């Protein structure tokens, strides 16, 4: 599990250059409007930014000039990191994520 967590964070670091601050701001506003708790909001933002960056990379878009730190990428205890990544994985199919990625 620790190795998998490292691999996920490595992927986030690789995609960081395609992570859009505009996407992050847009989905943050959506989560505020939906009045989601902070934990769910952070996971939805992380999932959206990650999917959007992967799509930008696959589409051959140029890296952004203003990359952001991957949401949730902070020094935390392994248990908290695991819980966050599990929640992010569940949020990958959340309607807010789909809507935000589709609207870019």
PDB file of N, CA and C in Angstrom:
ATOM      1  N   UNK A   1       0.833  -1.201   0.000  1.00  0.00           N
ATOM      2  CA  UNK A   1       0.000   0.000   0.000  1.00  0.00           C
ATOM      3  C   UNK A   1       0.872   1.258   0.000  1.00  0.00           C
ATOM      4  N   UNK A   2       1.934   1.253   0.779  1.00  0.00           N
ATOM      5  CA  UNK A   2       2.813   2.426   0.799  1.00  0.00           C
ATOM      6  C   UNK A   2       3.400   2.688  -0.576  1.00  0.00           C
ATOM      7  N   UNK A   3       3.771   1.628  -1.269  1.00  0.00           N
ATOM      8  CA  UNK A   3       4.330   1.781  -2.609  1.00  0.00           C
ATOM      9  C   UNK A   3       3.292   2.387  -3.557  1.00  0.00           C
ATOM     10  N   UNK A   4       2.055   1.927  -3.450  1.00  0.00           N
ATOM     11  CA  UNK A   4       0.978   2.441  -4.301  1.00  0.00           C
ATOM     12  C   UNK A   4       0.753   3.922  -4.028  1.00  0.00           C
ATOM     13  N   UNK A   5       0.804   4.314  -2.768  1.00  0.00           N
ATOM     14  CA  UNK A   5       0.623   5.721  -2.431  1.00  0.00           C
ATOM     15  C   UNK A   5       1.747   6.559  -3.033  1.00  0.00           C
ATOM     16  N   UNK A   6       2.963   6.047  -2.989  1.00  0.00           N
ATOM     17  CA  UNK A   6       4.092   6.758  -3.580  1.00  0.00           C
ATOM     18  C   UNK A   6       3.899   6.877  -5.090  1.00  0.00           C
ATOM     19  N   UNK A   7       3.422   5.820  -5.719  1.00  0.00           N
ATOM     20  CA  UNK A   7       3.197   5.848  -7.170  1.00  0.00           C
ATOM     21  C   UNK A   7       2.131   6.874  -7.546  1.00  0.00           C
ATOM     22  N   UNK A   8       1.081   6.960  -6.756  1.00  0.00           N
ATOM     23  CA  UNK A   8       0.019   7.929  -7.029  1.00  0.00           C
ATOM     24  C   UNK A   8       0.571   9.348  -6.894  1.00  0.00           C
ATOM     25  N   UNK A   9       1.315   9.596  -5.851  1.00  0.00           N
ATOM     26  CA  UNK A   9       1.884  10.934  -5.663  1.00  0.00           C
ATOM     27  C   UNK A   9       2.902  11.253  -6.745  1.00  0.00           C
ATOM     28  N   UNK A  10       3.666  10.245  -7.189  1.00  0.00           N
ATOM     29  CA  UNK A  10       4.608  10.467  -8.297  1.00  0.00           C
ATOM     30  C   UNK A  10       3.857  10.885  -9.558  1.00  0.00           C
ATOM     31  N   UNK A  11       2.738  10.225  -9.827  1.00  0.00           N
ATOM     32  CA  UNK A  11       1.926  10.582 -10.995  1.00  0.00           C
ATOM     33  C   UNK A  11       1.405  12.006 -10.857  1.00  0.00           C
ATOM     34  N   UNK A  12       0.989  12.371  -9.676  1.00  0.00           N
ATOM     35  CA  UNK A  12       0.514  13.739  -9.465  1.00  0.00           C
ATOM     36  C   UNK A  12       1.632  14.746  -9.707  1.00  0.00           C
ATOM     37  N   UNK A  13       2.825  14.418  -9.250  1.00  0.00           N
ATOM     38  CA  UNK A  13       3.948  15.330  -9.484  1.00  0.00           C
ATOM     39  C   UNK A  13       4.262  15.448 -10.970  1.00  0.00           C
ATOM     40  N   UNK A  14       4.184  14.349 -11.700  1.00  0.00           N
ATOM     41  CA  UNK A  14       4.451  14.376 -13.138  1.00  0.00           C
ATOM     42  C   UNK A  14       3.410  15.215 -13.884  1.00  0.00           C
ATOM     43  N   UNK A  15       2.161  15.127 -13.448  1.00  0.00           N
ATOM     44  CA  UNK A  15       1.078  15.866 -14.111  1.00  0.00           C
ATOM     45  C   UNK A  15       0.946  17.294 -13.598  1.00  0.00           C
ATOM     46  N   UNK A  16       1.701  17.651 -12.591  1.00  0.00           N
ATOM     47  CA  UNK A  16       1.578  18.976 -11.965  1.00  0.00           C
ATOM     48  C   UNK A  16       1.648  20.106 -12.977  1.00  0.00           C
ATOM     49  N   UNK A  17       2.514  19.968 -13.969  1.00  0.00           N
ATOM     50  CA  UNK A  17       2.678  21.039 -14.961  1.00  0.00           C
ATOM     51  C   UNK A  17       1.430  21.238 -15.812  1.00  0.00           C
ATOM     52  N   UNK A  18       0.510  20.287 -15.818  1.00  0.00           N
ATOM     53  CA  UNK A  18      -0.730  20.416 -16.593  1.00  0.00           C
ATOM     54  C   UNK A  18      -1.921  20.721 -15.681  1.00  0.00           C
ATOM     55  N   UNK A  19      -1.669  20.893 -14.390  1.00  0.00           N
ATOM     56  CA  UNK A  19      -2.755  21.202 -13.450  1.00  0.00           C
ATOM     57  C   UNK A  19      -3.079  22.679 -13.544  1.00  0.00           C
ATOM     58  N   UNK A  20      -4.334  22.963 -13.808  1.00  0.00           N
ATOM     59  CA  UNK A  20      -4.772  24.327 -14.052  1.00  0.00           C
ATOM     60  C   UNK A  20      -5.307  25.002 -12.788  1.00  0.00           C
ATOM     61  N   UNK A  21      -4.764  26.169 -12.445  1.00  0.00           N
ATOM     62  CA  UNK A  21      -5.316  26.930 -11.322  1.00  0.00           C
ATOM     63  C   UNK A  21      -6.779  27.321 -11.562  1.00  0.00           C
ATOM     64  N   UNK A  22      -7.118  27.561 -12.818  1.00  0.00           N
ATOM     65  CA  UNK A  22      -8.509  27.922 -13.132  1.00  0.00           C
ATOM     66  C   UNK A  22      -9.446  26.762 -12.841  1.00  0.00           C
ATOM     67  N   UNK A  23      -9.016  25.553 -13.187  1.00  0.00           N
ATOM     68  CA  UNK A  23      -9.827  24.371 -12.890  1.00  0.00           C
ATOM     69  C   UNK A  23      -9.983  24.207 -11.388  1.00  0.00           C
ATOM     70  N   UNK A  24      -8.890  24.392 -10.669  1.00  0.00           N
ATOM     71  CA  UNK A  24      -8.953  24.266  -9.218  1.00  0.00           C
ATOM     72  C   UNK A  24      -9.917  25.301  -8.619  1.00  0.00           C
ATOM     73  N   UNK A  25      -9.819  26.541  -9.056  1.00  0.00           N
ATOM     74  CA  UNK A  25     -10.694  27.594  -8.530  1.00  0.00           C
ATOM     75  C   UNK A  25     -12.158  27.314  -8.874  1.00  0.00           C
ATOM     76  N   UNK A  26     -12.387  26.857 -10.110  1.00  0.00           N
ATOM     77  CA  UNK A  26     -13.757  26.573 -10.553  1.00  0.00           C
ATOM     78  C   UNK A  26     -14.394  25.467  -9.706  1.00  0.00           C
ATOM     79  N   UNK A  27     -13.687  24.369  -9.536  1.00  0.00           N
ATOM     80  CA  UNK A  27     -14.274  23.262  -8.782  1.00  0.00           C
ATOM     81  C   UNK A  27     -14.371  23.586  -7.299  1.00  0.00           C
ATOM     82  N   UNK A  28     -13.456  24.396  -6.773  1.00  0.00           N
ATOM     83  CA  UNK A  28     -13.572  24.837  -5.374  1.00  0.00           C
ATOM     84  C   UNK A  28     -14.878  25.608  -5.171  1.00  0.00           C
ATOM     85  N   UNK A  29     -15.188  26.479  -6.142  1.00  0.00           N
ATOM     86  CA  UNK A  29     -16.438  27.238  -6.057  1.00  0.00           C
ATOM     87  C   UNK A  29     -17.646  26.300  -6.113  1.00  0.00           C
ATOM     88  N   UNK A  30     -17.574  25.294  -6.971  1.00  0.00           N
ATOM     89  CA  UNK A  30     -18.670  24.321  -7.063  1.00  0.00           C
ATOM     90  C   UNK A  30     -18.871  23.590  -5.732  1.00  0.00           C
ATOM     91  N   UNK A  31     -17.770  23.220  -5.077  1.00  0.00           N
ATOM     92  CA  UNK A  31     -17.907  22.509  -3.801  1.00  0.00           C
ATOM     93  C   UNK A  31     -18.440  23.436  -2.701  1.00  0.00           C
ATOM     94  N   UNK A  32     -18.077  24.722  -2.771  1.00  0.00           N
ATOM     95  CA  UNK A  32     -18.629  25.682  -1.797  1.00  0.00           C
ATOM     96  C   UNK A  32     -20.135  25.831  -1.996  1.00  0.00           C
ATOM     97  N   UNK A  33     -20.530  25.966  -3.259  1.00  0.00           N
ATOM     98  CA  UNK A  33     -21.957  26.105  -3.566  1.00  0.00           C
ATOM     99  C   UNK A  33     -22.739  24.874  -3.102  1.00  0.00           C
ATOM    100  N   UNK A  34     -22.124  23.705  -3.248  1.00  0.00           N
ATOM    101  CA  UNK A  34     -22.778  22.461  -2.830  1.00  0.00           C
ATOM    102  C   UNK A  34     -22.700  22.243  -1.321  1.00  0.00           C
ATOM    103  N   UNK A  35     -22.002  23.131  -0.619  1.00  0.00           N
ATOM    104  CA  UNK A  35     -21.857  23.092   0.839  1.00  0.00           C
ATOM    105  C   UNK A  35     -21.323  21.743   1.327  1.00  0.00           C
ATOM    106  N   UNK A  36     -20.261  21.274   0.675  1.00  0.00           N
ATOM    107  CA  UNK A  36     -19.644  20.019   1.069  1.00  0.00           C
ATOM    108  C   UNK A  36     -18.674  20.237   2.219  1.00  0.00           C
ATOM    109  N   UNK A  37     -18.467  19.208   3.012  1.00  0.00           N
ATOM    110  CA  UNK A  37     -17.492  19.315   4.095  1.00  0.00           C
ATOM    111  C   UNK A  37     -16.088  19.425   3.498  1.00  0.00           C
ATOM    112  N   UNK A  38     -15.142  19.907   4.289  1.00  0.00           N
ATOM    113  CA  UNK A  38     -13.781  20.170   3.801  1.00  0.00           C
ATOM    114  C   UNK A  38     -13.104  18.931   3.242  1.00  0.00           C
ATOM    115  N   UNK A  39     -13.261  17.811   3.896  1.00  0.00           N
ATOM    116  CA  UNK A  39     -12.611  16.572   3.461  1.00  0.00           C
ATOM    117  C   UNK A  39     -13.109  16.153   2.083  1.00  0.00           C
ATOM    118  N   UNK A  40     -14.416  16.161   1.894  1.00  0.00           N
ATOM    119  CA  UNK A  40     -14.997  15.792   0.603  1.00  0.00           C
ATOM    120  C   UNK A  40     -14.642  16.824  -0.454  1.00  0.00           C
ATOM    121  N   UNK A  41     -14.705  18.081  -0.085  1.00  0.00           N
ATOM    122  CA  UNK A  41     -14.352  19.146  -1.013  1.00  0.00           C
ATOM    123  C   UNK A  41     -12.917  18.999  -1.503  1.00  0.00           C
ATOM    124  N   UNK A  42     -11.986  18.765  -0.578  1.00  0.00           N
ATOM    125  CA  UNK A  42     -10.579  18.588  -0.969  1.00  0.00           C
ATOM    126  C   UNK A  42     -10.398  17.390  -1.899  1.00  0.00           C
ATOM    127  N   UNK A  43     -11.113  16.316  -1.630  1.00  0.00           N
ATOM    128  CA  UNK A  43     -11.002  15.119  -2.462  1.00  0.00           C
ATOM    129  C   UNK A  43     -11.582  15.361  -3.855  1.00  0.00           C
ATOM    130  N   UNK A  44     -12.688  16.081  -3.934  1.00  0.00           N
ATOM    131  CA  UNK A  44     -13.286  16.395  -5.234  1.00  0.00           C
ATOM    132  C   UNK A  44     -12.365  17.316  -6.026  1.00  0.00           C
ATOM    133  N   UNK A  45     -11.786  18.285  -5.358  1.00  0.00           N
ATOM    134  CA  UNK A  45     -10.838  19.181  -6.044  1.00  0.00           C
ATOM    135  C   UNK A  45      -9.643  18.383  -6.552  1.00  0.00           C
ATOM    136  N   UNK A  46      -9.092  17.521  -5.710  1.00  0.00           N
ATOM    137  CA  UNK A  46      -7.937  16.713  -6.117  1.00  0.00           C
ATOM    138  C   UNK A  46      -8.283  15.809  -7.299  1.00  0.00           C
ATOM    139  N   UNK A  47      -9.426  15.169  -7.252  1.00  0.00           N
ATOM    140  CA  UNK A  47      -9.842  14.275  -8.337  1.00  0.00           C
ATOM    141  C   UNK A  47     -10.048  15.050  -9.640  1.00  0.00           C
ATOM    142  N   UNK A  48     -10.687  16.200  -9.547  1.00  0.00           N
ATOM    143  CA  UNK A  48     -10.954  17.012 -10.737  1.00  0.00           C
ATOM    144  C   UNK A  48      -9.662  17.520 -11.360  1.00  0.00           C
ATOM    145  N   UNK A  49      -8.804  18.075 -10.531  1.00  0.00           N
ATOM    146  CA  UNK A  49      -7.546  18.633 -11.036  1.00  0.00           C
ATOM    147  C   UNK A  49      -6.699  17.527 -11.670  1.00  0.00           C
ATOM    148  N   UNK A  50      -6.673  16.356 -11.050  1.00  0.00           N
ATOM    149  CA  UNK A  50      -5.897  15.237 -11.575  1.00  0.00           C
ATOM    150  C   UNK A  50      -6.459  14.759 -12.919  1.00  0.00           C
ATOM    151  N   UNK A  51      -7.767  14.564 -12.993  1.00  0.00           N
ATOM    152  CA  UNK A  51      -8.373  14.126 -14.262  1.00  0.00           C
ATOM    153  C   UNK A  51      -8.204  15.165 -15.360  1.00  0.00           C
ATOM    154  N   UNK A  52      -8.382  16.416 -15.006  1.00  0.00           N
ATOM    155  CA  UNK A  52      -8.224  17.487 -15.975  1.00  0.00           C
ATOM    156  C   UNK A  52      -6.787  17.551 -16.493  1.00  0.00           C
ATOM    157  N   UNK A  53      -5.820  17.416 -15.591  1.00  0.00           N
ATOM    158  CA  UNK A  53      -4.408  17.446 -15.993  1.00  0.00           C
ATOM    159  C   UNK A  53      -4.072  16.257 -16.892  1.00  0.00           C
ATOM    160  N   UNK A  54      -4.584  15.090 -16.553  1.00  0.00           N
ATOM    161  CA  UNK A  54      -4.341  13.908 -17.385  1.00  0.00           C
ATOM    162  C   UNK A  54      -4.935  14.105 -18.780  1.00  0.00           C
ATOM    163  N   UNK A  55      -6.117  14.699 -18.841  1.00  0.00           N
ATOM    164  CA  UNK A  55      -6.750  14.956 -20.135  1.00  0.00           C
ATOM    165  C   UNK A  55      -5.951  15.979 -20.944  1.00  0.00           C
ATOM    166  N   UNK A  56      -5.491  17.016 -20.278  1.00  0.00           N
ATOM    167  CA  UNK A  56      -4.674  18.030 -20.955  1.00  0.00           C
ATOM    168  C   UNK A  56      -3.383  17.404 -21.500  1.00  0.00           C
ATOM    169  N   UNK A  57      -2.775  16.556 -20.705  1.00  0.00           N
ATOM    170  CA  UNK A  57      -1.551  15.875 -21.130  1.00  0.00           C
ATOM    171  C   UNK A  57      -1.834  14.980 -22.344  1.00  0.00           C
ATOM    172  N   UNK A  58      -2.899  14.174 -22.257  1.00  0.00           N
ATOM    173  CA  UNK A  58      -3.264  13.275 -23.360  1.00  0.00           C
ATOM    174  C   UNK A  58      -3.635  14.038 -24.620  1.00  0.00           C
ATOM    175  N   UNK A  59      -4.225  15.203 -24.457  1.00  0.00           N
ATOM    176  CA  UNK A  59      -4.615  16.021 -25.615  1.00  0.00           C
ATOM    177  C   UNK A  59      -3.425  16.743 -26.236  1.00  0.00           C
ATOM    178  N   UNK A  60      -2.256  16.638 -25.612  1.00  0.00           N
ATOM    179  CA  UNK A  60      -1.064  17.293 -26.140  1.00  0.00           C
ATOM    180  C   UNK A  60      -0.994  18.777 -25.839  1.00  0.00           C
ATOM    181  N   UNK A  61      -1.739  19.217 -24.841  1.00  0.00           N
ATOM    182  CA  UNK A  61      -1.703  20.635 -24.462  1.00  0.00           C
ATOM    183  C   UNK A  61      -0.336  20.982 -23.882  1.00  0.00           C
ATOM    184  N   UNK A  62       0.058  22.215 -24.063  1.00  0.00           N
ATOM    185  CA  UNK A  62       1.305  22.692 -23.474  1.00  0.00           C
ATOM    186  C   UNK A  62       1.127  22.782 -21.962  1.00  0.00           C
ATOM    187  N   UNK A  63       2.204  22.541 -21.224  1.00  0.00           N
ATOM    188  CA  UNK A  63       2.105  22.707 -19.767  1.00  0.00           C
ATOM    189  C   UNK A  63       1.718  24.141 -19.423  1.00  0.00           C
ATOM    190  N   UNK A  64       1.067  24.298 -18.297  1.00  0.00           N
ATOM    191  CA  UNK A  64       0.656  25.622 -17.850  1.00  0.00           C
ATOM    192  C   UNK A  64       1.865  26.406 -17.358  1.00  0.00           C
ATOM    193  N   UNK A  65       1.799  27.702 -17.461  1.00  0.00           N
ATOM    194  CA  UNK A  65       2.864  28.561 -16.958  1.00  0.00           C
ATOM    195  C   UNK A  65       2.736  28.824 -15.470  1.00  0.00           C
ATOM    196  N   UNK A  66       1.624  28.411 -14.914  1.00  0.00           N
ATOM    197  CA  UNK A  66       1.383  28.644 -13.495  1.00  0.00           C
ATOM    198  C   UNK A  66       0.911  27.355 -12.823  1.00  0.00           C
ATOM    199  N   UNK A  67       1.803  26.342 -12.754  1.00  0.00           N
ATOM    200  CA  UNK A  67       1.390  25.075 -12.159  1.00  0.00           C
ATOM    201  C   UNK A  67       1.044  25.239 -10.683  1.00  0.00           C
ATOM    202  N   UNK A  68       0.216  24.347 -10.218  1.00  0.00           N
ATOM    203  CA  UNK A  68      -0.212  24.374  -8.820  1.00  0.00           C
ATOM    204  C   UNK A  68       0.319  23.138  -8.110  1.00  0.00           C
ATOM    205  N   UNK A  69       0.326  23.188  -6.816  1.00  0.00           N
ATOM    206  CA  UNK A  69       0.659  22.020  -6.019  1.00  0.00           C
ATOM    207  C   UNK A  69      -0.551  21.099  -6.062  1.00  0.00           C
ATOM    208  N   UNK A  70      -0.307  19.824  -6.261  1.00  0.00           N
ATOM    209  CA  UNK A  70      -1.416  18.868  -6.303  1.00  0.00           C
ATOM    210  C   UNK A  70      -2.240  18.984  -5.021  1.00  0.00           C
ATOM    211  N   UNK A  71      -3.548  19.181  -5.149  1.00  0.00           N
ATOM    212  CA  UNK A  71      -4.383  19.295  -3.954  1.00  0.00           C
ATOM    213  C   UNK A  71      -4.230  18.072  -3.059  1.00  0.00           C
ATOM    214  N   UNK A  72      -4.100  18.316  -1.774  1.00  0.00           N
ATOM    215  CA  UNK A  72      -3.937  17.229  -0.823  1.00  0.00           C
ATOM    216  C   UNK A  72      -2.499  16.775  -0.691  1.00  0.00           C
ATOM    217  N   UNK A  73      -1.596  17.364  -1.449  1.00  0.00           N
ATOM    218  CA  UNK A  73      -0.197  16.947  -1.418  1.00  0.00           C
ATOM    219  C   UNK A  73       0.547  17.648  -0.295  1.00  0.00           C
ATOM    220  N   UNK A  74       0.265  17.240   0.905  1.00  0.00           N
ATOM    221  CA  UNK A  74       0.942  17.810   2.060  1.00  0.00           C
ATOM    222  C   UNK A  74       1.552  16.670   2.861  1.00  0.00           C
ATOM    223  N   UNK A  75       2.457  17.005   3.728  1.00  0.00           N
ATOM    224  CA  UNK A  75       3.058  15.995   4.589  1.00  0.00           C
ATOM    225  C   UNK A  75       2.047  15.611   5.655  1.00  0.00           C
ATOM    226  N   UNK A  76       1.555  14.395   5.548  1.00  0.00           N
ATOM    227  CA  UNK A  76       0.588  13.902   6.521  1.00  0.00           C
ATOM    228  C   UNK A  76       0.993  12.496   6.947  1.00  0.00           C
ATOM    229  N   UNK A  77       0.382  12.040   7.992  1.00  0.00           N
ATOM    230  CA  UNK A  77       0.615  10.675   8.450  1.00  0.00           C
ATOM    231  C   UNK A  77       0.121   9.696   7.386  1.00  0.00           C
ATOM    232  N   UNK A  78       0.748   8.531   7.277  1.00  0.00           N
ATOM    233  CA  UNK A  78       0.336   7.560   6.259  1.00  0.00           C
ATOM    234  C   UNK A  78      -1.145   7.187   6.323  1.00  0.00           C
ATOM    235  N   UNK A  79      -1.696   7.105   7.518  1.00  0.00           N
ATOM    236  CA  UNK A  79      -3.113   6.751   7.644  1.00  0.00           C
ATOM    237  C   UNK A  79      -4.010   7.835   7.041  1.00  0.00           C
ATOM    238  N   UNK A  80      -3.654   9.093   7.302  1.00  0.00           N
ATOM    239  CA  UNK A  80      -4.433  10.207   6.755  1.00  0.00           C
ATOM    240  C   UNK A  80      -4.269  10.279   5.243  1.00  0.00           C
ATOM    241  N   UNK A  81      -3.057  10.031   4.765  1.00  0.00           N
ATOM    242  CA  UNK A  81      -2.791  10.028   3.324  1.00  0.00           C
ATOM    243  C   UNK A  81      -3.605   8.937   2.639  1.00  0.00           C
ATOM    244  N   UNK A  82      -3.623   7.757   3.229  1.00  0.00           N
ATOM    245  CA  UNK A  82      -4.392   6.636   2.682  1.00  0.00           C
ATOM    246  C   UNK A  82      -5.875   6.981   2.623  1.00  0.00           C
ATOM    247  N   UNK A  83      -6.405   7.532   3.706  1.00  0.00           N
ATOM    248  CA  UNK A  83      -7.825   7.899   3.747  1.00  0.00           C
ATOM    249  C   UNK A  83      -8.137   8.945   2.676  1.00  0.00           C
ATOM    250  N   UNK A  84      -7.246   9.927   2.515  1.00  0.00           N
ATOM    251  CA  UNK A  84      -7.460  10.967   1.502  1.00  0.00           C
ATOM    252  C   UNK A  84      -7.469  10.354   0.098  1.00  0.00           C
ATOM    253  N   UNK A  85      -6.483   9.507  -0.194  1.00  0.00           N
ATOM    254  CA  UNK A  85      -6.408   8.916  -1.531  1.00  0.00           C
ATOM    255  C   UNK A  85      -7.583   7.990  -1.821  1.00  0.00           C
ATOM    256  N   UNK A  86      -8.057   7.284  -0.810  1.00  0.00           N
ATOM    257  CA  UNK A  86      -9.253   6.447  -1.000  1.00  0.00           C
ATOM    258  C   UNK A  86     -10.471   7.317  -1.321  1.00  0.00           C
ATOM    259  N   UNK A  87     -10.597   8.430  -0.625  1.00  0.00           N
ATOM    260  CA  UNK A  87     -11.714   9.335  -0.886  1.00  0.00           C
ATOM    261  C   UNK A  87     -11.584   9.961  -2.271  1.00  0.00           C
ATOM    262  N   UNK A  88     -10.366  10.332  -2.669  1.00  0.00           N
ATOM    263  CA  UNK A  88     -10.149  10.870  -4.019  1.00  0.00           C
ATOM    264  C   UNK A  88     -10.588   9.840  -5.057  1.00  0.00           C
ATOM    265  N   UNK A  89     -10.209   8.586  -4.853  1.00  0.00           N
ATOM    266  CA  UNK A  89     -10.582   7.552  -5.826  1.00  0.00           C
ATOM    267  C   UNK A  89     -12.096   7.399  -5.915  1.00  0.00           C
ATOM    268  N   UNK A  90     -12.789   7.520  -4.803  1.00  0.00           N
ATOM    269  CA  UNK A  90     -14.256   7.442  -4.820  1.00  0.00           C
ATOM    270  C   UNK A  90     -14.864   8.658  -5.518  1.00  0.00           C
ATOM    271  N   UNK A  91     -14.203   9.800  -5.404  1.00  0.00           N
ATOM    272  CA  UNK A  91     -14.734  11.033  -5.992  1.00  0.00           C
ATOM    273  C   UNK A  91     -14.480  11.133  -7.493  1.00  0.00           C
ATOM    274  N   UNK A  92     -13.659  10.275  -8.046  1.00  0.00           N
ATOM    275  CA  UNK A  92     -13.373  10.341  -9.484  1.00  0.00           C
ATOM    276  C   UNK A  92     -14.651  10.252 -10.328  1.00  0.00           C
ATOM    277  N   UNK A  93     -15.686   9.623  -9.772  1.00  0.00           N
ATOM    278  CA  UNK A  93     -16.951   9.484 -10.499  1.00  0.00           C
ATOM    279  C   UNK A  93     -18.057  10.404  -9.960  1.00  0.00           C
ATOM    280  N   UNK A  94     -17.686  11.323  -9.114  1.00  0.00           N
ATOM    281  CA  UNK A  94     -18.659  12.264  -8.531  1.00  0.00           C
ATOM    282  C   UNK A  94     -19.181  13.194  -9.631  1.00  0.00           C
ATOM    283  N   UNK A  95     -20.469  13.531  -9.628  1.00  0.00           N
ATOM    284  CA  UNK A  95     -21.031  14.413 -10.655  1.00  0.00           C
ATOM    285  C   UNK A  95     -20.340  15.779 -10.758  1.00  0.00           C
ATOM    286  N   UNK A  96     -19.894  16.339  -9.647  1.00  0.00           N
ATOM    287  CA  UNK A  96     -19.188  17.621  -9.699  1.00  0.00           C
ATOM    288  C   UNK A  96     -17.866  17.498 -10.476  1.00  0.00           C
ATOM    289  N   UNK A  97     -17.194  16.372 -10.308  1.00  0.00           N
ATOM    290  CA  UNK A  97     -15.929  16.135 -11.018  1.00  0.00           C
ATOM    291  C   UNK A  97     -16.197  16.047 -12.515  1.00  0.00           C
ATOM    292  N   UNK A  98     -17.181  15.244 -12.886  1.00  0.00           N
ATOM    293  CA  UNK A  98     -17.527  15.086 -14.302  1.00  0.00           C
ATOM    294  C   UNK A  98     -17.928  16.421 -14.921  1.00  0.00           C
ATOM    295  N   UNK A  99     -18.722  17.184 -14.188  1.00  0.00           N
ATOM    296  CA  UNK A  99     -19.178  18.481 -14.682  1.00  0.00           C
ATOM    297  C   UNK A  99     -18.018  19.455 -14.862  1.00  0.00           C
ATOM    298  N   UNK A 100     -17.143  19.519 -13.887  1.00  0.00           N
ATOM    299  CA  UNK A 100     -16.020  20.453 -13.942  1.00  0.00           C
ATOM    300  C   UNK A 100     -15.044  20.098 -15.062  1.00  0.00           C
ATOM    301  N   UNK A 101     -14.754  18.823 -15.243  1.00  0.00           N
ATOM    302  CA  UNK A 101     -13.834  18.408 -16.295  1.00  0.00           C
ATOM    303  C   UNK A 101     -14.462  18.633 -17.662  1.00  0.00           C
ATOM    304  N   UNK A 102     -15.742  18.360 -17.786  1.00  0.00           N
ATOM    305  CA  UNK A 102     -16.434  18.539 -19.073  1.00  0.00           C
ATOM    306  C   UNK A 102     -16.551  20.009 -19.462  1.00  0.00           C
ATOM    307  N   UNK A 103     -16.584  20.910 -18.476  1.00  0.00           N
ATOM    308  CA  UNK A 103     -16.807  22.328 -18.778  1.00  0.00           C
ATOM    309  C   UNK A 103     -15.523  23.084 -19.120  1.00  0.00           C
ATOM    310  N   UNK A 104     -14.409  22.440 -19.111  1.00  0.00           N
ATOM    311  CA  UNK A 104     -13.143  23.155 -19.354  1.00  0.00           C
ATOM    312  C   UNK A 104     -12.978  23.568 -20.771  1.00  0.00           C
TER     313      UNK A 104
END
